[in-house]
All heavy atoms as atom14 arrays in JSON, in Angstrom:
{
  "sequence": "YPNDPTGRRLHAVYHLLSMTYRRRLRIEVSV",
  "atom14_mask": [
    [1, 1, 1, 1, 1, 1, 1, 1, 1, 1, 1, 1, 0, 0],
    [1, 1, 1, 1, 1, 1, 1, 0, 0, 0, 0, 0, 0, 0],
    [1, 1, 1, 1, 1, 1, 1, 1, 0, 0, 0, 0, 0, 0],
    [1, 1, 1, 1, 1, 1, 1, 1, 0, 0, 0, 0, 0, 0],
    [1, 1, 1, 1, 1, 1, 1, 0, 0, 0, 0, 0, 0, 0],
    [1, 1, 1, 1, 1, 1, 1, 0, 0, 0, 0, 0, 0, 0],
    [1, 1, 1, 1, 0, 0, 0, 0, 0, 0, 0, 0, 0, 0],
    [1, 1, 1, 1, 1, 1, 1, 1, 1, 1, 1, 0, 0, 0],
    [1, 1, 1, 1, 1, 1, 1, 1, 1, 1, 1, 0, 0, 0],
    [1, 1, 1, 1, 1, 1, 1, 1, 0, 0, 0, 0, 0, 0],
    [1, 1, 1, 1, 1, 1, 1, 1, 1, 1, 0, 0, 0, 0],
    [1, 1, 1, 1, 1, 0, 0, 0, 0, 0, 0, 0, 0, 0],
    [1, 1, 1, 1, 1, 1, 1, 0, 0, 0, 0, 0, 0, 0],
    [1, 1, 1, 1, 1, 1, 1, 1, 1, 1, 1, 1, 0, 0],
    [1, 1, 1, 1, 1, 1, 1, 1, 1, 1, 0, 0, 0, 0],
    [1, 1, 1, 1, 1, 1, 1, 1, 0, 0, 0, 0, 0, 0],
    [1, 1, 1, 1, 1, 1, 1, 1, 0, 0, 0, 0, 0, 0],
    [1, 1, 1, 1, 1, 1, 0, 0, 0, 0, 0, 0, 0, 0],
    [1, 1, 1, 1, 1, 1, 1, 1, 0, 0, 0, 0, 0, 0],
    [1, 1, 1, 1, 1, 1, 1, 0, 0, 0, 0, 0, 0, 0],
    [1, 1, 1, 1, 1, 1, 1, 1, 1, 1, 1, 1, 0, 0],
    [1, 1, 1, 1, 1, 1, 1, 1, 1, 1, 1, 0, 0, 0],
    [1, 1, 1, 1, 1, 1, 1, 1, 1, 1, 1, 0, 0, 0],
    [1, 1, 1, 1, 1, 1, 1, 1, 1, 1, 1, 0, 0, 0],
    [1, 1, 1, 1, 1, 1, 1, 1, 0, 0, 0, 0, 0, 0],
    [1, 1, 1, 1, 1, 1, 1, 1, 1, 1, 1, 0, 0, 0],
    [1, 1, 1, 1, 1, 1, 1, 1, 0, 0, 0, 0, 0, 0],
    [1, 1, 1, 1, 1, 1, 1, 1, 1, 0, 0, 0, 0, 0],
    [1, 1, 1, 1, 1, 1, 1, 0, 0, 0, 0, 0, 0, 0],
    [1, 1, 1, 1, 1, 1, 0, 0, 0, 0, 0, 0, 0, 0],
    [1, 1, 1, 1, 1, 1, 1, 0, 0, 0, 0, 0, 0, 0]
  ],
  "atom14_positions": [
    [[98.74, 116.83, 142.75], [99.51, 115.9, 143.56], [99.25, 116.22, 145.04], [99.96, 117.03, 145.63], [100.99, 116.02, 143.27], [101.39, 115.64, 141.87], [101.73, 116.61, 140.92], [101.46, 114.3, 141.48], [102.11, 116.25, 139.63], [101.85, 113.94, 140.2], [102.17, 114.92, 139.28], [102.55, 114.57, 138.01], [0.0, 0.0, 0.0], [0.0, 0.0, 0.0]],
    [[98.23, 115.59, 145.66], [97.89, 115.94, 147.05], [99.04, 115.73, 148.03], [99.11, 116.41, 149.05], [96.73, 115.0, 147.38], [96.2, 114.55, 146.06], [97.36, 114.54, 145.12], [0.0, 0.0, 0.0], [0.0, 0.0, 0.0], [0.0, 0.0, 0.0], [0.0, 0.0, 0.0], [0.0, 0.0, 0.0], [0.0, 0.0, 0.0], [0.0, 0.0, 0.0]],
    [[99.94, 114.79, 147.74], [101.03, 114.48, 148.67], [102.34, 115.17, 148.3], [103.4, 114.75, 148.76], [101.24, 112.96, 148.72], [100.0, 112.23, 149.2], [99.36, 112.64, 150.15], [99.66, 111.13, 148.53], [0.0, 0.0, 0.0], [0.0, 0.0, 0.0], [0.0, 0.0, 0.0], [0.0, 0.0, 0.0], [0.0, 0.0, 0.0], [0.0, 0.0, 0.0]],
    [[102.29, 116.2, 147.48], [103.51, 116.92, 147.11], [104.18, 117.44, 148.37], [103.58, 118.22, 149.12], [103.16, 118.08, 146.17], [104.39, 118.72, 145.54], [105.34, 119.04, 146.3], [104.42, 118.89, 144.31], [0.0, 0.0, 0.0], [0.0, 0.0, 0.0], [0.0, 0.0, 0.0], [0.0, 0.0, 0.0], [0.0, 0.0, 0.0], [0.0, 0.0, 0.0]],
    [[105.43, 117.03, 148.63], [106.09, 117.42, 149.89], [106.35, 118.92, 150.01], [106.59, 119.42, 151.12], [107.39, 116.63, 149.86], [107.61, 116.27, 148.43], [106.26, 116.13, 147.82], [0.0, 0.0, 0.0], [0.0, 0.0, 0.0], [0.0, 0.0, 0.0], [0.0, 0.0, 0.0], [0.0, 0.0, 0.0], [0.0, 0.0, 0.0], [0.0, 0.0, 0.0]],
    [[106.32, 119.65, 148.9], [106.54, 121.1, 148.97], [105.28, 121.85, 149.36], [105.34, 123.05, 149.64], [107.04, 121.63, 147.62], [105.99, 121.52, 146.64], [108.27, 120.86, 147.14], [0.0, 0.0, 0.0], [0.0, 0.0, 0.0], [0.0, 0.0, 0.0], [0.0, 0.0, 0.0], [0.0, 0.0, 0.0], [0.0, 0.0, 0.0], [0.0, 0.0, 0.0]],
    [[104.13, 121.17, 149.33], [102.87, 121.84, 149.6], [102.27, 122.49, 148.37], [101.15, 122.99, 148.41], [0.0, 0.0, 0.0], [0.0, 0.0, 0.0], [0.0, 0.0, 0.0], [0.0, 0.0, 0.0], [0.0, 0.0, 0.0], [0.0, 0.0, 0.0], [0.0, 0.0, 0.0], [0.0, 0.0, 0.0], [0.0, 0.0, 0.0], [0.0, 0.0, 0.0]],
    [[103.0, 122.48, 147.27], [102.49, 123.05, 146.02], [101.92, 121.91, 145.17], [102.57, 121.41, 144.27], [103.61, 123.8, 145.29], [104.1, 125.02, 146.07], [105.2, 125.76, 145.35], [106.39, 124.95, 145.22], [107.44, 125.28, 144.45], [107.41, 126.39, 143.75], [108.49, 124.5, 144.41], [0.0, 0.0, 0.0], [0.0, 0.0, 0.0], [0.0, 0.0, 0.0]],
    [[100.72, 121.54, 145.46], [100.14, 120.33, 144.89], [99.57, 120.52, 143.48], [99.39, 119.55, 142.75], [99.04, 119.8, 145.8], [97.98, 120.84, 146.13], [96.91, 120.29, 147.04], [95.88, 119.57, 146.3], [94.71, 119.22, 146.82], [94.45, 119.49, 148.09], [93.82, 118.6, 146.09], [0.0, 0.0, 0.0], [0.0, 0.0, 0.0], [0.0, 0.0, 0.0]],
    [[99.27, 121.75, 143.08], [98.69, 122.0, 141.76], [99.8, 122.34, 140.77], [100.58, 123.26, 140.99], [97.68, 123.15, 141.83], [96.48, 122.95, 142.76], [95.59, 124.18, 142.76], [95.69, 121.71, 142.36], [0.0, 0.0, 0.0], [0.0, 0.0, 0.0], [0.0, 0.0, 0.0], [0.0, 0.0, 0.0], [0.0, 0.0, 0.0], [0.0, 0.0, 0.0]],
    [[99.86, 121.57, 139.68], [100.91, 121.75, 138.69], [100.29, 122.12, 137.34], [99.32, 121.49, 136.9], [101.73, 120.47, 138.52], [102.55, 120.12, 139.71], [103.88, 119.73, 139.62], [102.27, 120.11, 141.04], [104.36, 119.49, 140.83], [103.39, 119.71, 141.7], [0.0, 0.0, 0.0], [0.0, 0.0, 0.0], [0.0, 0.0, 0.0], [0.0, 0.0, 0.0]],
    [[100.84, 123.14, 136.7], [100.49, 123.49, 135.32], [101.61, 123.0, 134.43], [102.78, 123.36, 134.63], [100.3, 125.0, 135.18], [0.0, 0.0, 0.0], [0.0, 0.0, 0.0], [0.0, 0.0, 0.0], [0.0, 0.0, 0.0], [0.0, 0.0, 0.0], [0.0, 0.0, 0.0], [0.0, 0.0, 0.0], [0.0, 0.0, 0.0], [0.0, 0.0, 0.0]],
    [[101.28, 122.17, 133.45], [102.28, 121.5, 132.62], [102.12, 121.96, 131.17], [101.06, 121.76, 130.57], [102.15, 119.98, 132.72], [103.29, 119.3, 131.97], [102.14, 119.53, 134.18], [0.0, 0.0, 0.0], [0.0, 0.0, 0.0], [0.0, 0.0, 0.0], [0.0, 0.0, 0.0], [0.0, 0.0, 0.0], [0.0, 0.0, 0.0], [0.0, 0.0, 0.0]],
    [[103.18, 122.56, 130.62], [103.16, 123.1, 129.25], [103.94, 122.17, 128.33], [105.04, 121.72, 128.68], [103.79, 124.5, 129.22], [103.08, 125.5, 130.09], [103.29, 125.52, 131.47], [102.19, 126.42, 129.55], [102.63, 126.42, 132.29], [101.53, 127.34, 130.37], [101.76, 127.33, 131.73], [101.1, 128.24, 132.53], [0.0, 0.0, 0.0], [0.0, 0.0, 0.0]],
    [[103.4, 121.93, 127.14], [104.02, 121.02, 126.19], [104.46, 121.82, 124.96], [103.61, 122.33, 124.2], [103.03, 119.92, 125.79], [102.4, 119.26, 126.98], [103.01, 118.22, 127.66], [101.23, 119.5, 127.64], [102.24, 117.84, 128.66], [101.16, 118.61, 128.67], [0.0, 0.0, 0.0], [0.0, 0.0, 0.0], [0.0, 0.0, 0.0], [0.0, 0.0, 0.0]],
    [[105.77, 121.94, 124.77], [106.32, 122.77, 123.7], [106.91, 121.9, 122.59], [107.44, 120.81, 122.85], [107.4, 123.7, 124.25], [107.02, 124.6, 125.43], [108.18, 125.52, 125.78], [105.77, 125.39, 125.14], [0.0, 0.0, 0.0], [0.0, 0.0, 0.0], [0.0, 0.0, 0.0], [0.0, 0.0, 0.0], [0.0, 0.0, 0.0], [0.0, 0.0, 0.0]],
    [[106.84, 122.43, 121.38], [107.36, 121.73, 120.21], [108.19, 122.69, 119.37], [107.75, 123.8, 119.04], [106.21, 121.18, 119.36], [106.56, 120.66, 117.96], [107.47, 119.43, 118.04], [105.3, 120.34, 117.16], [0.0, 0.0, 0.0], [0.0, 0.0, 0.0], [0.0, 0.0, 0.0], [0.0, 0.0, 0.0], [0.0, 0.0, 0.0], [0.0, 0.0, 0.0]],
    [[109.41, 122.28, 119.04], [110.23, 123.0, 118.08], [110.11, 122.32, 116.72], [110.61, 121.2, 116.54], [111.7, 123.03, 118.52], [112.52, 123.52, 117.47], [0.0, 0.0, 0.0], [0.0, 0.0, 0.0], [0.0, 0.0, 0.0], [0.0, 0.0, 0.0], [0.0, 0.0, 0.0], [0.0, 0.0, 0.0], [0.0, 0.0, 0.0], [0.0, 0.0, 0.0]],
    [[109.42, 122.97, 115.81], [109.29, 122.41, 114.47], [110.58, 122.56, 113.69], [110.87, 121.79, 112.78], [108.12, 123.07, 113.73], [106.77, 122.73, 114.36], [105.37, 123.56, 113.58], [105.56, 125.22, 114.23], [0.0, 0.0, 0.0], [0.0, 0.0, 0.0], [0.0, 0.0, 0.0], [0.0, 0.0, 0.0], [0.0, 0.0, 0.0], [0.0, 0.0, 0.0]],
    [[111.38, 123.57, 114.06], [112.67, 123.79, 113.4], [113.63, 122.64, 113.68], [114.27, 122.1, 112.78], [113.29, 125.11, 113.86], [112.42, 126.18, 113.52], [114.65, 125.32, 113.2], [0.0, 0.0, 0.0], [0.0, 0.0, 0.0], [0.0, 0.0, 0.0], [0.0, 0.0, 0.0], [0.0, 0.0, 0.0], [0.0, 0.0, 0.0], [0.0, 0.0, 0.0]],
    [[113.73, 122.26, 114.97], [114.7, 121.24, 115.38], [114.06, 119.88, 115.68], [114.78, 118.95, 116.05], [115.48, 121.73, 116.61], [116.25, 123.0, 116.35], [115.88, 124.2, 116.96], [117.35, 123.01, 115.49], [116.58, 125.38, 116.74], [118.06, 124.18, 115.26], [117.67, 125.35, 115.88], [118.38, 126.52, 115.66], [0.0, 0.0, 0.0], [0.0, 0.0, 0.0]],
    [[112.74, 119.81, 115.56], [112.01, 118.56, 115.82], [112.31, 118.05, 117.23], [112.74, 116.92, 117.43], [112.34, 117.5, 114.76], [112.01, 117.94, 113.35], [112.37, 116.9, 112.33], [111.56, 115.69, 112.49], [111.71, 114.6, 111.74], [112.66, 114.56, 110.81], [110.94, 113.56, 111.93], [0.0, 0.0, 0.0], [0.0, 0.0, 0.0], [0.0, 0.0, 0.0]],
    [[112.03, 118.9, 118.19], [112.26, 118.59, 119.59], [111.02, 118.9, 120.41], [110.25, 119.81, 120.08], [113.44, 119.41, 120.14], [114.77, 119.13, 119.48], [115.81, 120.13, 119.92], [117.14, 119.8, 119.4], [118.22, 120.57, 119.54], [118.1, 121.72, 120.2], [119.38, 120.2, 119.05], [0.0, 0.0, 0.0], [0.0, 0.0, 0.0], [0.0, 0.0, 0.0]],
    [[110.83, 118.16, 121.49], [109.72, 118.39, 122.41], [110.26, 118.64, 123.81], [111.2, 117.98, 124.25], [108.75, 117.2, 122.42], [108.01, 117.03, 121.1], [107.0, 115.9, 121.18], [106.33, 115.7, 119.9], [105.26, 116.35, 119.49], [104.7, 117.25, 120.31], [104.71, 116.11, 118.32], [0.0, 0.0, 0.0], [0.0, 0.0, 0.0], [0.0, 0.0, 0.0]],
    [[109.63, 119.58, 124.5], [110.08, 120.0, 125.82], [108.86, 120.21, 126.71], [107.81, 120.68, 126.25], [110.88, 121.3, 125.7], [111.25, 122.05, 126.98], [112.24, 121.25, 127.8], [111.83, 123.42, 126.64], [0.0, 0.0, 0.0], [0.0, 0.0, 0.0], [0.0, 0.0, 0.0], [0.0, 0.0, 0.0], [0.0, 0.0, 0.0], [0.0, 0.0, 0.0]],
    [[109.01, 119.88, 127.98], [107.92, 120.08, 128.95], [108.35, 121.12, 129.97], [109.45, 121.06, 130.51], [107.59, 118.76, 129.64], [106.39, 118.84, 130.6], [106.16, 117.53, 131.33], [105.84, 116.45, 130.42], [106.64, 115.41, 130.16], [107.82, 115.31, 130.77], [106.27, 114.46, 129.33], [0.0, 0.0, 0.0], [0.0, 0.0, 0.0], [0.0, 0.0, 0.0]],
    [[107.45, 122.08, 130.25], [107.65, 123.08, 131.29], [106.61, 122.83, 132.38], [105.43, 122.62, 132.07], [107.49, 124.51, 130.74], [108.54, 124.8, 129.65], [107.57, 125.54, 131.87], [109.95, 124.85, 130.16], [0.0, 0.0, 0.0], [0.0, 0.0, 0.0], [0.0, 0.0, 0.0], [0.0, 0.0, 0.0], [0.0, 0.0, 0.0], [0.0, 0.0, 0.0]],
    [[107.04, 122.86, 133.63], [106.11, 122.58, 134.72], [106.24, 123.66, 135.79], [107.35, 124.04, 136.18], [106.39, 121.2, 135.31], [105.29, 120.67, 136.2], [105.33, 119.15, 136.34], [105.87, 118.47, 135.44], [104.79, 118.65, 137.35], [0.0, 0.0, 0.0], [0.0, 0.0, 0.0], [0.0, 0.0, 0.0], [0.0, 0.0, 0.0], [0.0, 0.0, 0.0]],
    [[105.08, 124.16, 136.25], [105.01, 125.17, 137.3], [104.1, 124.63, 138.39], [103.02, 124.1, 138.09], [104.46, 126.5, 136.77], [104.36, 127.53, 137.88], [105.33, 127.03, 135.64], [0.0, 0.0, 0.0], [0.0, 0.0, 0.0], [0.0, 0.0, 0.0], [0.0, 0.0, 0.0], [0.0, 0.0, 0.0], [0.0, 0.0, 0.0], [0.0, 0.0, 0.0]],
    [[104.49, 124.77, 139.65], [103.68, 124.25, 140.75], [103.3, 125.38, 141.7], [104.1, 126.28, 141.98], [104.42, 123.15, 141.5], [105.65, 123.62, 142.01], [0.0, 0.0, 0.0], [0.0, 0.0, 0.0], [0.0, 0.0, 0.0], [0.0, 0.0, 0.0], [0.0, 0.0, 0.0], [0.0, 0.0, 0.0], [0.0, 0.0, 0.0], [0.0, 0.0, 0.0]],
    [[102.05, 125.31, 142.19], [101.53, 126.31, 143.12], [100.69, 125.62, 144.19], [100.31, 124.45, 144.03], [100.66, 127.37, 142.4], [101.5, 128.21, 141.46], [99.5, 126.71, 141.65], [0.0, 0.0, 0.0], [0.0, 0.0, 0.0], [0.0, 0.0, 0.0], [0.0, 0.0, 0.0], [0.0, 0.0, 0.0], [0.0, 0.0, 0.0], [0.0, 0.0, 0.0]]
  ]
}
């Protein structure tokens, strides 16, 4: 995201799945 207002334009996005509860969650880290 070149225009990220925080200056942390590079994001690593993790996609998690709970097979027990059948849920999906996204984790995002920016640098």
